[in-house]
Amino acid sequence: MAESDTVAGHTYSPAMDAKTHEQTYRGFVRFVEIGTGVVICWVLALAIGGIREAWLLAILGVIVSGAAGAVGALAPAVGWRGPLVVAILLLLYLFFA
């Protein structure tokens, strides 16, 4: 079996990069949450365009969801909640307009 206690001749300790690993993992999870929210908004915008034939609103929904995703990525306090607000507004239009 391969030895995992040395990397390129240097001793390796899993504790050496624990903080960096946790930061990278948190960033990845945050990216996935925001990206999933934006993609859900795109699907809803396509549904609005296809079902209600409101393509200008669908385009606006895509643009606003992208902006909400950017705000969520830049402001950790907002995070996935930005695209969530846009998704709720798109759902309301889809069902009640």
C-alpha atoms as a PDB file:
ATOM      1  CA  MET A   1       0.000   0.000   0.000  1.00  0.00           C
ATOM      2  CA  ALA A   2       1.059   3.549  -0.533  1.00  0.00           C
ATOM      3  CA  GLU A   3       2.350   5.505   2.397  1.00  0.00           C
ATOM      4  CA  SER A   4       0.218   8.504   3.290  1.00  0.00           C
ATOM      5  CA  ASP A   5       2.378   9.950   6.038  1.00  0.00           C
ATOM      6  CA  THR A   6       4.813  11.642   3.633  1.00  0.00           C
ATOM      7  CA  VAL A   7       4.189  13.935   0.717  1.00  0.00           C
ATOM      8  CA  ALA A   8       7.142  14.629  -1.596  1.00  0.00           C
ATOM      9  CA  GLY A   9       9.611  13.734   1.124  1.00  0.00           C
ATOM     10  CA  HIS A  10       8.022  15.947   3.772  1.00  0.00           C
ATOM     11  CA  THR A  11       6.160  14.695   6.775  1.00  0.00           C
ATOM     12  CA  TYR A  12       2.444  15.235   6.511  1.00  0.00           C
ATOM     13  CA  SER A  13       0.048  15.929   9.321  1.00  0.00           C
ATOM     14  CA  PRO A  14      -3.692  16.133   8.660  1.00  0.00           C
ATOM     15  CA  ALA A  15      -3.933  18.850  11.304  1.00  0.00           C
ATOM     16  CA  MET A  16      -1.680  21.113   9.235  1.00  0.00           C
ATOM     17  CA  ASP A  17      -4.377  22.147   6.799  1.00  0.00           C
ATOM     18  CA  ALA A  18      -7.558  21.682   8.820  1.00  0.00           C
ATOM     19  CA  LYS A  19      -8.414  25.393   8.898  1.00  0.00           C
ATOM     20  CA  THR A  20      -7.880  25.820   5.156  1.00  0.00           C
ATOM     21  CA  HIS A  21      -9.840  22.666   4.467  1.00  0.00           C
ATOM     22  CA  GLU A  22     -12.786  23.899   6.524  1.00  0.00           C
ATOM     23  CA  GLN A  23     -12.753  27.301   4.790  1.00  0.00           C
ATOM     24  CA  THR A  24     -12.693  25.657   1.372  1.00  0.00           C
ATOM     25  CA  TYR A  25     -15.516  23.299   2.314  1.00  0.00           C
ATOM     26  CA  ARG A  26     -17.679  26.144   3.656  1.00  0.00           C
ATOM     27  CA  GLY A  27     -17.055  28.144   0.475  1.00  0.00           C
ATOM     28  CA  PHE A  28     -17.965  25.188  -1.719  1.00  0.00           C
ATOM     29  CA  VAL A  29     -21.182  24.489   0.187  1.00  0.00           C
ATOM     30  CA  ARG A  30     -22.111  28.179   0.024  1.00  0.00           C
ATOM     31  CA  PHE A  31     -21.468  28.216  -3.739  1.00  0.00           C
ATOM     32  CA  VAL A  32     -23.627  25.128  -4.237  1.00  0.00           C
ATOM     33  CA  GLU A  33     -26.485  26.601  -2.184  1.00  0.00           C
ATOM     34  CA  ILE A  34     -26.470  29.869  -4.088  1.00  0.00           C
ATOM     35  CA  GLY A  35     -26.008  28.178  -7.456  1.00  0.00           C
ATOM     36  CA  THR A  36     -28.895  25.808  -6.801  1.00  0.00           C
ATOM     37  CA  GLY A  37     -31.135  28.728  -5.873  1.00  0.00           C
ATOM     38  CA  VAL A  38     -30.231  30.598  -9.053  1.00  0.00           C
ATOM     39  CA  VAL A  39     -30.855  27.533 -11.237  1.00  0.00           C
ATOM     40  CA  ILE A  40     -34.251  27.034  -9.583  1.00  0.00           C
ATOM     41  CA  CYS A  41     -35.049  30.654 -10.459  1.00  0.00           C
ATOM     42  CA  TRP A  42     -34.047  29.997 -14.072  1.00  0.00           C
ATOM     43  CA  VAL A  43     -36.345  26.993 -14.259  1.00  0.00           C
ATOM     44  CA  LEU A  44     -39.204  29.048 -12.818  1.00  0.00           C
ATOM     45  CA  ALA A  45     -38.480  31.842 -15.288  1.00  0.00           C
ATOM     46  CA  LEU A  46     -38.632  29.340 -18.144  1.00  0.00           C
ATOM     47  CA  ALA A  47     -41.925  28.043 -16.775  1.00  0.00           C
ATOM     48  CA  ILE A  48     -43.306  31.584 -16.694  1.00  0.00           C
ATOM     49  CA  GLY A  49     -42.192  32.130 -20.261  1.00  0.00           C
ATOM     50  CA  GLY A  50     -43.582  28.815 -21.467  1.00  0.00           C
ATOM     51  CA  ILE A  51     -46.842  28.653 -19.521  1.00  0.00           C
ATOM     52  CA  ARG A  52     -47.801  32.315 -19.195  1.00  0.00           C
ATOM     53  CA  GLU A  53     -45.994  33.431 -22.356  1.00  0.00           C
ATOM     54  CA  ALA A  54     -44.480  36.311 -20.409  1.00  0.00           C
ATOM     55  CA  TRP A  55     -41.002  36.102 -21.899  1.00  0.00           C
ATOM     56  CA  LEU A  56     -39.953  39.622 -20.909  1.00  0.00           C
ATOM     57  CA  LEU A  57     -40.723  38.808 -17.294  1.00  0.00           C
ATOM     58  CA  ALA A  58     -38.842  35.533 -17.698  1.00  0.00           C
ATOM     59  CA  ILE A  59     -35.773  37.394 -18.958  1.00  0.00           C
ATOM     60  CA  LEU A  60     -36.097  39.851 -16.093  1.00  0.00           C
ATOM     61  CA  GLY A  61     -36.342  36.935 -13.661  1.00  0.00           C
ATOM     62  CA  VAL A  62     -33.114  35.452 -15.008  1.00  0.00           C
ATOM     63  CA  ILE A  63     -31.308  38.797 -14.723  1.00  0.00           C
ATOM     64  CA  VAL A  64     -32.609  39.517 -11.219  1.00  0.00           C
ATOM     65  CA  SER A  65     -31.806  35.992 -10.020  1.00  0.00           C
ATOM     66  CA  GLY A  66     -28.250  36.379 -11.302  1.00  0.00           C
ATOM     67  CA  ALA A  67     -27.937  39.676  -9.459  1.00  0.00           C
ATOM     68  CA  ALA A  68     -29.401  38.115  -6.309  1.00  0.00           C
ATOM     69  CA  GLY A  69     -26.895  35.270  -6.593  1.00  0.00           C
ATOM     70  CA  ALA A  70     -24.042  37.757  -6.936  1.00  0.00           C
ATOM     71  CA  VAL A  71     -25.249  39.664  -3.875  1.00  0.00           C
ATOM     72  CA  GLY A  72     -25.540  36.396  -1.983  1.00  0.00           C
ATOM     73  CA  ALA A  73     -22.006  35.421  -2.974  1.00  0.00           C
ATOM     74  CA  LEU A  74     -20.553  38.778  -1.932  1.00  0.00           C
ATOM     75  CA  ALA A  75     -22.561  39.206   1.271  1.00  0.00           C
ATOM     76  CA  PRO A  76     -22.322  36.123   3.506  1.00  0.00           C
ATOM     77  CA  ALA A  77     -25.268  37.329   5.587  1.00  0.00           C
ATOM     78  CA  VAL A  78     -27.530  37.156   2.525  1.00  0.00           C
ATOM     79  CA  GLY A  79     -26.225  33.892   1.022  1.00  0.00           C
ATOM     80  CA  TRP A  80     -28.923  31.673  -0.489  1.00  0.00           C
ATOM     81  CA  ARG A  81     -31.720  33.947   0.746  1.00  0.00           C
ATOM     82  CA  GLY A  82     -31.256  36.341  -2.200  1.00  0.00           C
ATOM     83  CA  PRO A  83     -32.235  33.817  -4.874  1.00  0.00           C
ATOM     84  CA  LEU A  84     -34.936  32.476  -2.533  1.00  0.00           C
ATOM     85  CA  VAL A  85     -36.754  35.833  -2.571  1.00  0.00           C
ATOM     86  CA  VAL A  86     -36.651  35.898  -6.371  1.00  0.00           C
ATOM     87  CA  ALA A  87     -37.883  32.283  -6.549  1.00  0.00           C
ATOM     88  CA  ILE A  88     -40.833  33.093  -4.273  1.00  0.00           C
ATOM     89  CA  LEU A  89     -41.781  36.089  -6.414  1.00  0.00           C
ATOM     90  CA  LEU A  90     -41.557  34.003  -9.578  1.00  0.00           C
ATOM     91  CA  LEU A  91     -43.676  31.256  -8.007  1.00  0.00           C
ATOM     92  CA  LEU A  92     -46.307  33.786  -6.951  1.00  0.00           C
ATOM     93  CA  TYR A  93     -46.499  35.137 -10.482  1.00  0.00           C
ATOM     94  CA  LEU A  94     -46.611  31.655 -11.976  1.00  0.00           C
ATOM     95  CA  PHE A  95     -49.537  30.524  -9.822  1.00  0.00           C
ATOM     96  CA  PHE A  96     -51.567  33.710  -9.368  1.00  0.00           C
ATOM     97  CA  ALA A  97     -51.198  35.708 -12.574  1.00  0.00           C
END
